[in-house]
């Protein structure tokens, strides 16, 4: 639901990039909303529901039509941002005007993973949500990742976790635990 609301908050924002999750969750909630509103339209009599020789047919309902009109711009915006994530212009959505073939091409592009790293449309949305680390997430303590140097403990084995940074100088006479190196030949004072 948070992905659906995120798209609605960016109602007419055609700039930037959108993750696959954001796009497809929005599509899923739209489909569910149209189904529920179509049922309500039939129940209150604002749509027709008739049996045909090949199945059932429904006529456009008032609530369903109003909903689809309300989400038209956010749908186009999230579709454009999703295409931006794959490195394509949002204008490629005009392929939908080509019957069947255009829709198939767009579905394939929308399902394709986005370009890693930044592209001409902005940062990778996976990296933005994860804090900007290169692999799309924070360094894990159990699994060393490329680009994050591992320190070695006194036995020569790599330590897991974040690399240690320098800190404040230690008191003279106490063992150095990381931080700034001691200056000169200092002796402990009693």
N, C-alpha and C. Protein backbone atom coordinates (compact mmCIF):
# COMPACT_ATOMS: atom_id res chain seq x y z
N UNK A 1 0.82 -1.20 0.00
CA UNK A 1 0.00 0.00 0.00
C UNK A 1 0.86 1.26 0.00
N UNK A 2 2.05 1.18 0.67
CA UNK A 2 2.91 2.36 0.73
C UNK A 2 3.39 2.77 -0.67
N UNK A 3 3.58 1.78 -1.55
CA UNK A 3 4.03 2.09 -2.91
C UNK A 3 2.93 2.82 -3.69
N UNK A 4 1.70 2.41 -3.48
CA UNK A 4 0.57 3.04 -4.14
C UNK A 4 0.45 4.50 -3.69
N UNK A 5 0.56 4.72 -2.39
CA UNK A 5 0.47 6.08 -1.87
C UNK A 5 1.65 6.93 -2.31
N UNK A 6 2.82 6.33 -2.44
CA UNK A 6 4.00 7.06 -2.90
C UNK A 6 3.77 7.60 -4.31
N UNK A 7 3.17 6.79 -5.17
CA UNK A 7 2.88 7.23 -6.53
C UNK A 7 1.86 8.36 -6.51
N UNK A 8 0.84 8.24 -5.67
CA UNK A 8 -0.17 9.30 -5.60
C UNK A 8 0.40 10.60 -5.06
N UNK A 9 1.38 10.51 -4.15
CA UNK A 9 2.02 11.72 -3.63
C UNK A 9 2.83 12.41 -4.72
N UNK A 10 3.37 11.63 -5.65
CA UNK A 10 4.11 12.18 -6.79
C UNK A 10 3.16 12.25 -7.99
N UNK A 11 2.01 12.87 -7.79
CA UNK A 11 0.89 12.83 -8.74
C UNK A 11 1.30 13.10 -10.18
N UNK A 12 1.98 14.19 -10.44
CA UNK A 12 2.35 14.56 -11.81
C UNK A 12 3.86 14.72 -11.94
N UNK A 13 4.62 13.95 -11.19
CA UNK A 13 6.08 14.03 -11.23
C UNK A 13 6.61 13.06 -12.28
N UNK A 14 6.99 13.60 -13.42
CA UNK A 14 7.50 12.78 -14.53
C UNK A 14 9.03 12.71 -14.51
N UNK A 15 9.67 13.30 -13.53
CA UNK A 15 11.13 13.29 -13.47
C UNK A 15 11.60 12.27 -12.45
N UNK A 16 12.80 11.79 -12.64
CA UNK A 16 13.37 10.83 -11.71
C UNK A 16 13.16 9.40 -12.19
N UNK A 17 13.34 8.47 -11.26
CA UNK A 17 13.28 7.05 -11.58
C UNK A 17 12.37 6.34 -10.60
N UNK A 18 11.78 5.23 -11.03
CA UNK A 18 10.91 4.42 -10.16
C UNK A 18 11.35 2.97 -10.21
N UNK A 19 11.37 2.34 -9.05
CA UNK A 19 11.72 0.92 -8.96
C UNK A 19 10.61 0.06 -9.57
N UNK A 20 10.96 -1.18 -9.89
CA UNK A 20 9.96 -2.13 -10.38
C UNK A 20 8.88 -2.35 -9.35
N UNK A 21 9.27 -2.46 -8.09
CA UNK A 21 8.30 -2.69 -7.02
C UNK A 21 7.27 -1.57 -6.97
N UNK A 22 7.74 -0.33 -7.05
CA UNK A 22 6.83 0.82 -7.02
C UNK A 22 5.84 0.76 -8.17
N UNK A 23 6.33 0.49 -9.37
CA UNK A 23 5.46 0.46 -10.54
C UNK A 23 4.45 -0.68 -10.48
N UNK A 24 4.93 -1.90 -10.22
CA UNK A 24 4.04 -3.05 -10.28
C UNK A 24 3.07 -3.10 -9.11
N UNK A 25 3.45 -2.59 -7.95
CA UNK A 25 2.49 -2.51 -6.84
C UNK A 25 1.38 -1.50 -7.16
N UNK A 26 1.74 -0.42 -7.81
CA UNK A 26 0.73 0.56 -8.24
C UNK A 26 -0.23 -0.09 -9.24
N UNK A 27 0.31 -0.85 -10.19
CA UNK A 27 -0.54 -1.54 -11.17
C UNK A 27 -1.46 -2.53 -10.47
N UNK A 28 -0.91 -3.30 -9.53
CA UNK A 28 -1.72 -4.29 -8.80
C UNK A 28 -2.87 -3.63 -8.05
N UNK A 29 -2.58 -2.55 -7.31
CA UNK A 29 -3.64 -1.88 -6.55
C UNK A 29 -4.66 -1.23 -7.49
N UNK A 30 -4.23 -0.76 -8.66
CA UNK A 30 -5.18 -0.22 -9.63
C UNK A 30 -6.12 -1.31 -10.13
N UNK A 31 -5.58 -2.48 -10.43
CA UNK A 31 -6.42 -3.58 -10.90
C UNK A 31 -7.44 -3.97 -9.83
N UNK A 32 -6.97 -4.09 -8.59
CA UNK A 32 -7.88 -4.44 -7.49
C UNK A 32 -8.96 -3.38 -7.30
N UNK A 33 -8.58 -2.11 -7.38
CA UNK A 33 -9.56 -1.02 -7.21
C UNK A 33 -10.59 -1.04 -8.33
N UNK A 34 -10.16 -1.30 -9.56
CA UNK A 34 -11.10 -1.34 -10.68
C UNK A 34 -12.08 -2.51 -10.52
N UNK A 35 -11.57 -3.65 -10.07
CA UNK A 35 -12.47 -4.81 -9.85
C UNK A 35 -13.51 -4.49 -8.79
N UNK A 36 -13.07 -3.93 -7.66
CA UNK A 36 -14.01 -3.61 -6.57
C UNK A 36 -15.01 -2.54 -7.02
N UNK A 37 -14.52 -1.50 -7.70
CA UNK A 37 -15.43 -0.44 -8.15
C UNK A 37 -16.39 -0.94 -9.23
N UNK A 38 -15.96 -1.86 -10.06
CA UNK A 38 -16.86 -2.43 -11.08
C UNK A 38 -17.98 -3.22 -10.42
N UNK A 39 -17.66 -3.98 -9.38
CA UNK A 39 -18.68 -4.73 -8.65
C UNK A 39 -19.67 -3.77 -7.99
N UNK A 40 -19.13 -2.72 -7.37
CA UNK A 40 -20.01 -1.72 -6.74
C UNK A 40 -20.89 -1.05 -7.79
N UNK A 41 -20.31 -0.73 -8.96
CA UNK A 41 -21.10 -0.11 -10.04
C UNK A 41 -22.26 -1.00 -10.46
N UNK A 42 -22.01 -2.31 -10.58
CA UNK A 42 -23.08 -3.24 -10.95
C UNK A 42 -24.14 -3.30 -9.86
N UNK A 43 -23.70 -3.35 -8.58
CA UNK A 43 -24.65 -3.45 -7.47
C UNK A 43 -25.54 -2.22 -7.33
N UNK A 44 -24.99 -1.04 -7.58
CA UNK A 44 -25.80 0.17 -7.41
C UNK A 44 -26.50 0.58 -8.71
N UNK A 45 -26.21 -0.15 -9.79
CA UNK A 45 -26.93 0.08 -11.04
C UNK A 45 -26.34 1.14 -11.95
N UNK A 46 -25.10 1.54 -11.72
CA UNK A 46 -24.48 2.52 -12.61
C UNK A 46 -23.69 1.86 -13.73
N UNK A 47 -23.68 0.52 -13.76
CA UNK A 47 -23.03 -0.22 -14.85
C UNK A 47 -23.93 -1.39 -15.22
N UNK A 48 -23.74 -1.88 -16.40
CA UNK A 48 -24.54 -3.02 -16.84
C UNK A 48 -23.68 -4.28 -16.81
N UNK A 49 -24.33 -5.38 -16.50
CA UNK A 49 -23.65 -6.67 -16.44
C UNK A 49 -24.58 -7.66 -17.13
N UNK A 50 -24.18 -8.10 -18.31
CA UNK A 50 -25.05 -8.99 -19.08
C UNK A 50 -24.32 -10.25 -19.47
N UNK A 51 -25.07 -11.31 -19.63
CA UNK A 51 -24.51 -12.58 -20.08
C UNK A 51 -24.54 -12.61 -21.62
N UNK A 52 -23.43 -13.05 -22.20
CA UNK A 52 -23.34 -13.20 -23.65
C UNK A 52 -23.07 -14.66 -23.97
N UNK A 53 -23.01 -14.97 -25.24
CA UNK A 53 -22.76 -16.37 -25.63
C UNK A 53 -21.34 -16.80 -25.29
N UNK A 54 -20.41 -15.86 -25.16
CA UNK A 54 -19.02 -16.20 -24.84
C UNK A 54 -18.65 -15.93 -23.39
N UNK A 55 -19.56 -15.43 -22.60
CA UNK A 55 -19.24 -15.13 -21.20
C UNK A 55 -20.10 -13.99 -20.69
N UNK A 56 -19.47 -13.06 -20.00
CA UNK A 56 -20.17 -11.93 -19.44
C UNK A 56 -19.56 -10.64 -19.99
N UNK A 57 -20.38 -9.61 -20.05
CA UNK A 57 -19.91 -8.30 -20.51
C UNK A 57 -20.41 -7.24 -19.54
N UNK A 58 -19.57 -6.27 -19.28
CA UNK A 58 -19.98 -5.17 -18.41
C UNK A 58 -19.88 -3.87 -19.18
N UNK A 59 -20.80 -3.00 -18.93
CA UNK A 59 -20.74 -1.67 -19.50
C UNK A 59 -20.02 -0.77 -18.51
N UNK A 60 -19.41 0.29 -18.99
CA UNK A 60 -18.64 1.18 -18.14
C UNK A 60 -19.47 1.74 -17.00
N UNK A 61 -18.92 1.67 -15.81
CA UNK A 61 -19.61 2.18 -14.64
C UNK A 61 -19.11 3.57 -14.29
N UNK A 62 -19.94 4.30 -13.59
CA UNK A 62 -19.61 5.67 -13.21
C UNK A 62 -18.41 5.74 -12.27
N UNK A 63 -18.43 4.94 -11.20
CA UNK A 63 -17.35 4.97 -10.22
C UNK A 63 -16.02 4.52 -10.84
N UNK A 64 -16.08 3.45 -11.65
CA UNK A 64 -14.87 2.94 -12.29
C UNK A 64 -14.28 3.98 -13.24
N UNK A 65 -15.14 4.62 -14.00
CA UNK A 65 -14.67 5.64 -14.95
C UNK A 65 -14.04 6.83 -14.24
N UNK A 66 -14.68 7.28 -13.15
CA UNK A 66 -14.13 8.40 -12.39
C UNK A 66 -12.77 8.04 -11.77
N UNK A 67 -12.65 6.81 -11.25
CA UNK A 67 -11.38 6.38 -10.67
C UNK A 67 -10.28 6.33 -11.73
N UNK A 68 -10.60 5.74 -12.88
CA UNK A 68 -9.59 5.64 -13.94
C UNK A 68 -9.16 7.02 -14.44
N UNK A 69 -10.08 7.94 -14.48
CA UNK A 69 -9.74 9.31 -14.87
C UNK A 69 -8.85 9.97 -13.82
N UNK A 70 -9.12 9.69 -12.53
CA UNK A 70 -8.34 10.29 -11.44
C UNK A 70 -6.90 9.77 -11.41
N UNK A 71 -6.67 8.51 -11.77
CA UNK A 71 -5.31 7.95 -11.71
C UNK A 71 -4.61 7.93 -13.07
N UNK A 72 -5.18 8.58 -14.07
CA UNK A 72 -4.55 8.60 -15.40
C UNK A 72 -3.18 9.27 -15.35
N UNK A 73 -3.10 10.46 -14.77
CA UNK A 73 -1.82 11.20 -14.74
C UNK A 73 -0.79 10.49 -13.87
N UNK A 74 -1.14 10.01 -12.64
CA UNK A 74 -0.14 9.28 -11.88
C UNK A 74 0.32 8.00 -12.59
N UNK A 75 -0.57 7.35 -13.33
CA UNK A 75 -0.19 6.15 -14.07
C UNK A 75 0.83 6.47 -15.15
N UNK A 76 0.60 7.55 -15.87
CA UNK A 76 1.56 7.97 -16.90
C UNK A 76 2.88 8.40 -16.27
N UNK A 77 2.80 9.08 -15.12
CA UNK A 77 4.02 9.55 -14.45
C UNK A 77 4.87 8.40 -13.95
N UNK A 78 4.26 7.41 -13.30
CA UNK A 78 5.04 6.29 -12.78
C UNK A 78 5.55 5.43 -13.93
N UNK A 79 4.81 5.34 -15.02
CA UNK A 79 5.29 4.62 -16.20
C UNK A 79 6.50 5.29 -16.80
N UNK A 80 6.48 6.63 -16.86
CA UNK A 80 7.64 7.36 -17.38
C UNK A 80 8.84 7.21 -16.46
N UNK A 81 8.62 7.30 -15.14
CA UNK A 81 9.74 7.13 -14.21
C UNK A 81 10.31 5.72 -14.27
N UNK A 82 9.45 4.73 -14.51
CA UNK A 82 9.92 3.34 -14.63
C UNK A 82 10.78 3.19 -15.89
N UNK A 83 10.36 3.81 -16.99
CA UNK A 83 11.18 3.79 -18.21
C UNK A 83 12.48 4.53 -17.99
N UNK A 84 12.46 5.61 -17.24
CA UNK A 84 13.69 6.34 -16.91
C UNK A 84 14.67 5.43 -16.18
N UNK A 85 14.16 4.55 -15.33
CA UNK A 85 15.02 3.65 -14.58
C UNK A 85 15.76 2.68 -15.51
N UNK A 86 15.16 2.37 -16.65
CA UNK A 86 15.81 1.49 -17.62
C UNK A 86 16.63 2.27 -18.64
N UNK A 87 16.71 3.59 -18.47
CA UNK A 87 17.52 4.42 -19.37
C UNK A 87 16.77 4.89 -20.61
N UNK A 88 15.44 4.80 -20.61
CA UNK A 88 14.64 5.21 -21.77
C UNK A 88 13.81 6.44 -21.42
N UNK A 89 13.42 7.15 -22.44
CA UNK A 89 12.58 8.32 -22.26
C UNK A 89 11.15 7.89 -21.94
N UNK A 90 10.44 8.73 -21.21
CA UNK A 90 9.05 8.45 -20.90
C UNK A 90 8.14 8.53 -22.11
N UNK A 91 8.61 9.17 -23.17
CA UNK A 91 7.83 9.27 -24.40
C UNK A 91 7.62 7.91 -25.06
N UNK A 92 8.40 6.90 -24.68
CA UNK A 92 8.22 5.57 -25.23
C UNK A 92 6.87 4.98 -24.85
N UNK A 93 6.17 5.57 -23.91
CA UNK A 93 4.83 5.10 -23.55
C UNK A 93 3.84 5.23 -24.70
N UNK A 94 4.20 6.07 -25.68
CA UNK A 94 3.34 6.20 -26.85
C UNK A 94 3.27 4.91 -27.66
N UNK A 95 4.17 3.96 -27.38
CA UNK A 95 4.09 2.66 -28.02
C UNK A 95 2.78 1.95 -27.70
N UNK A 96 2.15 2.32 -26.63
CA UNK A 96 0.88 1.71 -26.24
C UNK A 96 -0.20 1.96 -27.29
N UNK A 97 0.00 2.95 -28.14
CA UNK A 97 -0.97 3.24 -29.19
C UNK A 97 -0.92 2.20 -30.31
N UNK A 98 0.17 1.44 -30.39
CA UNK A 98 0.27 0.36 -31.38
C UNK A 98 -0.41 -0.86 -30.77
N UNK A 99 -1.45 -1.37 -31.41
CA UNK A 99 -2.18 -2.49 -30.81
C UNK A 99 -1.29 -3.71 -30.56
N UNK A 100 -1.44 -4.32 -29.43
CA UNK A 100 -0.81 -5.55 -28.96
C UNK A 100 0.72 -5.46 -28.88
N UNK A 101 1.39 -5.17 -29.99
CA UNK A 101 2.85 -5.16 -30.01
C UNK A 101 3.41 -4.09 -29.08
N UNK A 102 2.84 -2.89 -29.12
CA UNK A 102 3.31 -1.80 -28.27
C UNK A 102 3.18 -2.13 -26.80
N UNK A 103 2.04 -2.73 -26.43
CA UNK A 103 1.83 -3.10 -25.03
C UNK A 103 2.82 -4.17 -24.59
N UNK A 104 3.12 -5.13 -25.44
CA UNK A 104 4.06 -6.19 -25.09
C UNK A 104 5.46 -5.61 -24.88
N UNK A 105 5.88 -4.72 -25.76
CA UNK A 105 7.21 -4.09 -25.62
C UNK A 105 7.29 -3.31 -24.32
N UNK A 106 6.25 -2.54 -24.01
CA UNK A 106 6.25 -1.74 -22.78
C UNK A 106 6.29 -2.63 -21.54
N UNK A 107 5.53 -3.72 -21.55
CA UNK A 107 5.53 -4.62 -20.39
C UNK A 107 6.92 -5.21 -20.17
N UNK A 108 7.59 -5.58 -21.25
CA UNK A 108 8.95 -6.12 -21.13
C UNK A 108 9.89 -5.06 -20.56
N UNK A 109 9.80 -3.83 -21.05
CA UNK A 109 10.68 -2.76 -20.55
C UNK A 109 10.37 -2.44 -19.09
N UNK A 110 9.10 -2.41 -18.73
CA UNK A 110 8.72 -2.11 -17.35
C UNK A 110 9.19 -3.21 -16.40
N UNK A 111 9.29 -4.45 -16.91
CA UNK A 111 9.72 -5.58 -16.08
C UNK A 111 11.24 -5.73 -16.04
N UNK A 112 11.95 -5.00 -16.89
CA UNK A 112 13.41 -5.09 -16.94
C UNK A 112 14.02 -4.36 -15.75
N UNK A 113 15.10 -4.92 -15.23
CA UNK A 113 15.79 -4.27 -14.11
C UNK A 113 16.39 -2.95 -14.57
N UNK A 114 16.40 -1.97 -13.69
CA UNK A 114 16.94 -0.66 -14.01
C UNK A 114 18.44 -0.67 -14.16
N UNK A 115 18.95 0.40 -14.75
CA UNK A 115 20.40 0.51 -14.92
C UNK A 115 21.05 0.73 -13.57
N UNK A 116 22.14 0.02 -13.29
CA UNK A 116 22.82 0.21 -12.00
C UNK A 116 23.49 1.58 -11.96
N UNK A 117 23.54 2.14 -10.79
CA UNK A 117 24.17 3.45 -10.62
C UNK A 117 23.29 4.55 -11.18
N UNK A 118 23.87 5.72 -11.27
CA UNK A 118 23.13 6.88 -11.77
C UNK A 118 23.08 6.85 -13.29
N UNK A 119 21.99 7.37 -13.84
CA UNK A 119 21.91 7.59 -15.28
C UNK A 119 21.44 9.02 -15.51
N UNK A 120 21.09 9.36 -16.73
CA UNK A 120 20.74 10.75 -17.03
C UNK A 120 19.47 11.22 -16.33
N UNK A 121 18.71 10.29 -15.74
CA UNK A 121 17.46 10.65 -15.08
C UNK A 121 17.59 10.71 -13.56
N UNK A 122 18.76 10.36 -13.02
CA UNK A 122 18.96 10.47 -11.59
C UNK A 122 19.64 9.24 -11.01
N UNK A 123 19.68 9.23 -9.66
CA UNK A 123 20.29 8.11 -8.92
C UNK A 123 19.42 6.87 -9.03
N UNK A 124 20.05 5.73 -8.86
CA UNK A 124 19.32 4.46 -8.80
C UNK A 124 18.43 4.49 -7.56
N UNK A 125 17.11 4.28 -7.70
CA UNK A 125 16.23 4.36 -6.53
C UNK A 125 16.53 3.32 -5.47
N UNK A 126 17.11 2.20 -5.85
CA UNK A 126 17.48 1.20 -4.85
C UNK A 126 18.60 1.74 -3.96
N UNK A 127 19.56 2.44 -4.54
CA UNK A 127 20.66 3.00 -3.77
C UNK A 127 20.20 4.17 -2.92
N UNK A 128 19.26 4.97 -3.43
CA UNK A 128 18.75 6.09 -2.65
C UNK A 128 18.08 5.60 -1.38
N UNK A 129 17.31 4.52 -1.48
CA UNK A 129 16.60 4.00 -0.31
C UNK A 129 17.55 3.32 0.66
N UNK A 130 18.66 2.77 0.15
CA UNK A 130 19.59 2.04 1.00
C UNK A 130 20.71 2.93 1.52
N UNK A 131 20.68 4.20 1.25
CA UNK A 131 21.68 5.10 1.77
C UNK A 131 22.83 5.38 0.83
N UNK A 132 22.75 4.93 -0.40
CA UNK A 132 23.75 5.28 -1.38
C UNK A 132 24.96 4.37 -1.44
N UNK A 133 24.95 3.23 -0.77
CA UNK A 133 26.09 2.33 -0.86
C UNK A 133 26.12 1.65 -2.22
N UNK A 134 27.29 1.35 -2.75
CA UNK A 134 27.43 0.85 -4.11
C UNK A 134 26.64 -0.41 -4.43
N UNK A 135 26.51 -1.36 -3.53
CA UNK A 135 25.80 -2.59 -3.84
C UNK A 135 24.31 -2.47 -3.53
N UNK A 136 23.83 -1.30 -3.23
CA UNK A 136 22.42 -1.13 -2.95
C UNK A 136 22.04 -1.45 -1.52
N UNK A 137 22.99 -1.57 -0.63
CA UNK A 137 22.67 -1.86 0.76
C UNK A 137 23.82 -1.49 1.65
N UNK A 138 23.63 -1.65 2.93
CA UNK A 138 24.67 -1.34 3.89
C UNK A 138 25.63 -2.52 3.99
N UNK A 139 26.88 -2.28 4.32
CA UNK A 139 27.79 -3.40 4.48
C UNK A 139 27.32 -4.29 5.63
N UNK A 140 27.33 -5.57 5.40
CA UNK A 140 26.87 -6.52 6.41
C UNK A 140 28.04 -6.96 7.27
N UNK A 141 27.77 -7.29 8.51
CA UNK A 141 28.85 -7.68 9.40
C UNK A 141 29.38 -9.06 9.08
N UNK A 142 28.56 -9.97 8.61
CA UNK A 142 29.03 -11.32 8.36
C UNK A 142 29.62 -11.48 6.96
N UNK A 143 29.28 -10.63 6.03
CA UNK A 143 29.68 -10.82 4.65
C UNK A 143 30.46 -9.62 4.16
N UNK A 144 31.78 -9.76 3.95
CA UNK A 144 32.53 -8.63 3.42
C UNK A 144 32.06 -8.29 2.01
N UNK A 145 32.01 -7.02 1.69
CA UNK A 145 31.60 -6.59 0.37
C UNK A 145 32.75 -5.85 -0.29
N UNK A 146 32.78 -5.92 -1.60
CA UNK A 146 33.81 -5.22 -2.35
C UNK A 146 33.70 -3.72 -2.08
N UNK A 147 34.80 -3.07 -1.96
CA UNK A 147 34.80 -1.63 -1.74
C UNK A 147 34.85 -1.23 -0.28
N UNK A 148 34.72 -2.20 0.64
CA UNK A 148 34.77 -1.90 2.06
C UNK A 148 35.96 -2.66 2.65
N UNK A 149 37.05 -1.98 2.94
CA UNK A 149 38.24 -2.69 3.44
C UNK A 149 37.97 -3.33 4.80
N UNK A 150 38.46 -4.53 4.97
CA UNK A 150 38.32 -5.23 6.23
C UNK A 150 39.60 -5.07 7.03
N UNK A 151 39.48 -4.79 8.31
CA UNK A 151 40.65 -4.68 9.16
C UNK A 151 41.03 -6.06 9.66
N UNK A 152 42.25 -6.18 10.09
CA UNK A 152 42.71 -7.46 10.62
C UNK A 152 42.91 -7.33 12.13
N UNK A 153 42.53 -8.39 12.83
CA UNK A 153 42.75 -8.37 14.27
C UNK A 153 44.19 -8.75 14.57
N UNK A 154 44.53 -8.92 15.83
CA UNK A 154 45.92 -9.17 16.21
C UNK A 154 46.42 -10.51 15.69
N UNK A 155 45.54 -11.47 15.41
CA UNK A 155 45.96 -12.77 14.90
C UNK A 155 46.10 -12.77 13.38
N UNK A 156 45.84 -11.66 12.70
CA UNK A 156 45.95 -11.59 11.26
C UNK A 156 44.68 -11.98 10.52
N UNK A 157 43.60 -12.26 11.28
CA UNK A 157 42.35 -12.64 10.63
C UNK A 157 41.53 -11.38 10.37
N UNK A 158 40.77 -11.34 9.25
CA UNK A 158 39.97 -10.13 8.98
C UNK A 158 38.86 -9.97 10.01
N UNK A 159 38.68 -8.75 10.47
CA UNK A 159 37.57 -8.44 11.36
C UNK A 159 36.35 -8.16 10.49
N UNK A 160 35.20 -8.55 10.98
CA UNK A 160 33.96 -8.30 10.25
C UNK A 160 33.37 -6.99 10.73
N UNK A 161 32.62 -6.35 9.87
CA UNK A 161 31.92 -5.14 10.27
C UNK A 161 32.49 -3.93 9.56
N UNK A 162 32.18 -2.80 10.09
CA UNK A 162 32.58 -1.54 9.48
C UNK A 162 34.05 -1.26 9.75
N UNK A 163 34.73 -0.61 8.79
CA UNK A 163 36.11 -0.23 9.05
C UNK A 163 36.16 0.78 10.19
N UNK A 164 37.17 0.66 11.04
CA UNK A 164 37.29 1.55 12.19
C UNK A 164 37.93 2.86 11.75
N UNK A 165 37.42 3.92 12.31
CA UNK A 165 37.96 5.25 12.04
C UNK A 165 38.76 5.72 13.24
N UNK A 166 39.61 6.70 13.01
CA UNK A 166 40.39 7.27 14.12
C UNK A 166 39.48 7.97 15.10
N UNK A 167 39.92 8.03 16.31
CA UNK A 167 39.12 8.67 17.35
C UNK A 167 39.96 9.65 18.13
N UNK A 168 39.64 9.83 19.39
CA UNK A 168 40.39 10.74 20.24
C UNK A 168 41.65 10.04 20.77
N UNK A 169 42.68 10.81 21.06
CA UNK A 169 43.90 10.20 21.60
C UNK A 169 43.64 9.55 22.95
N UNK A 170 44.35 8.44 23.20
CA UNK A 170 44.20 7.72 24.45
C UNK A 170 45.06 8.40 25.53
N UNK A 171 44.72 8.11 26.76
CA UNK A 171 45.51 8.63 27.87
C UNK A 171 46.89 7.97 27.85
N UNK A 172 47.92 8.71 28.20
CA UNK A 172 49.26 8.12 28.22
C UNK A 172 49.30 6.93 29.17
N UNK A 173 50.00 5.88 28.73
CA UNK A 173 50.17 4.71 29.56
C UNK A 173 49.11 3.64 29.35
N UNK A 174 48.05 3.97 28.70
CA UNK A 174 47.01 2.99 28.43
C UNK A 174 47.24 2.41 27.04
N UNK A 175 46.85 1.19 26.80
CA UNK A 175 47.07 0.60 25.49
C UNK A 175 46.26 1.34 24.42
N UNK A 176 46.85 1.47 23.25
CA UNK A 176 46.20 2.18 22.14
C UNK A 176 45.08 1.29 21.56
N UNK A 177 43.84 1.78 21.51
CA UNK A 177 42.70 1.01 21.02
C UNK A 177 42.19 1.55 19.69
N UNK A 178 42.99 2.19 18.92
CA UNK A 178 42.51 2.87 17.72
C UNK A 178 42.44 4.34 18.03
N UNK A 179 42.43 5.13 17.07
CA UNK A 179 42.40 6.56 17.30
C UNK A 179 43.69 7.17 16.80
N UNK A 180 44.02 8.30 17.30
CA UNK A 180 45.22 8.98 16.84
C UNK A 180 46.45 8.36 17.49
N UNK A 181 47.53 8.21 16.73
CA UNK A 181 48.75 7.67 17.33
C UNK A 181 49.31 8.65 18.35
N UNK A 182 49.95 8.09 19.37
CA UNK A 182 50.54 8.93 20.41
C UNK A 182 51.77 9.64 19.85
N UNK A 183 51.97 10.87 20.27
CA UNK A 183 53.10 11.66 19.80
C UNK A 183 54.25 11.55 20.77
N UNK A 184 55.45 11.36 20.24
CA UNK A 184 56.66 11.40 21.07
C UNK A 184 56.75 10.21 22.01
N UNK A 185 57.71 10.29 22.92
CA UNK A 185 57.95 9.22 23.87
C UNK A 185 57.34 9.65 25.19
N UNK A 186 56.11 9.24 25.41
CA UNK A 186 55.42 9.63 26.62
C UNK A 186 55.43 8.47 27.61
N UNK A 187 55.54 8.77 28.84
CA UNK A 187 55.52 7.75 29.88
C UNK A 187 54.29 7.96 30.74
N UNK A 188 53.78 6.88 31.33
CA UNK A 188 52.61 7.03 32.19
C UNK A 188 52.91 7.90 33.40
N UNK A 189 51.96 8.71 33.72
CA UNK A 189 52.11 9.56 34.91
C UNK A 189 51.23 8.97 36.01
N UNK A 190 51.81 8.88 37.18
CA UNK A 190 51.07 8.28 38.30
C UNK A 190 50.38 9.30 39.13
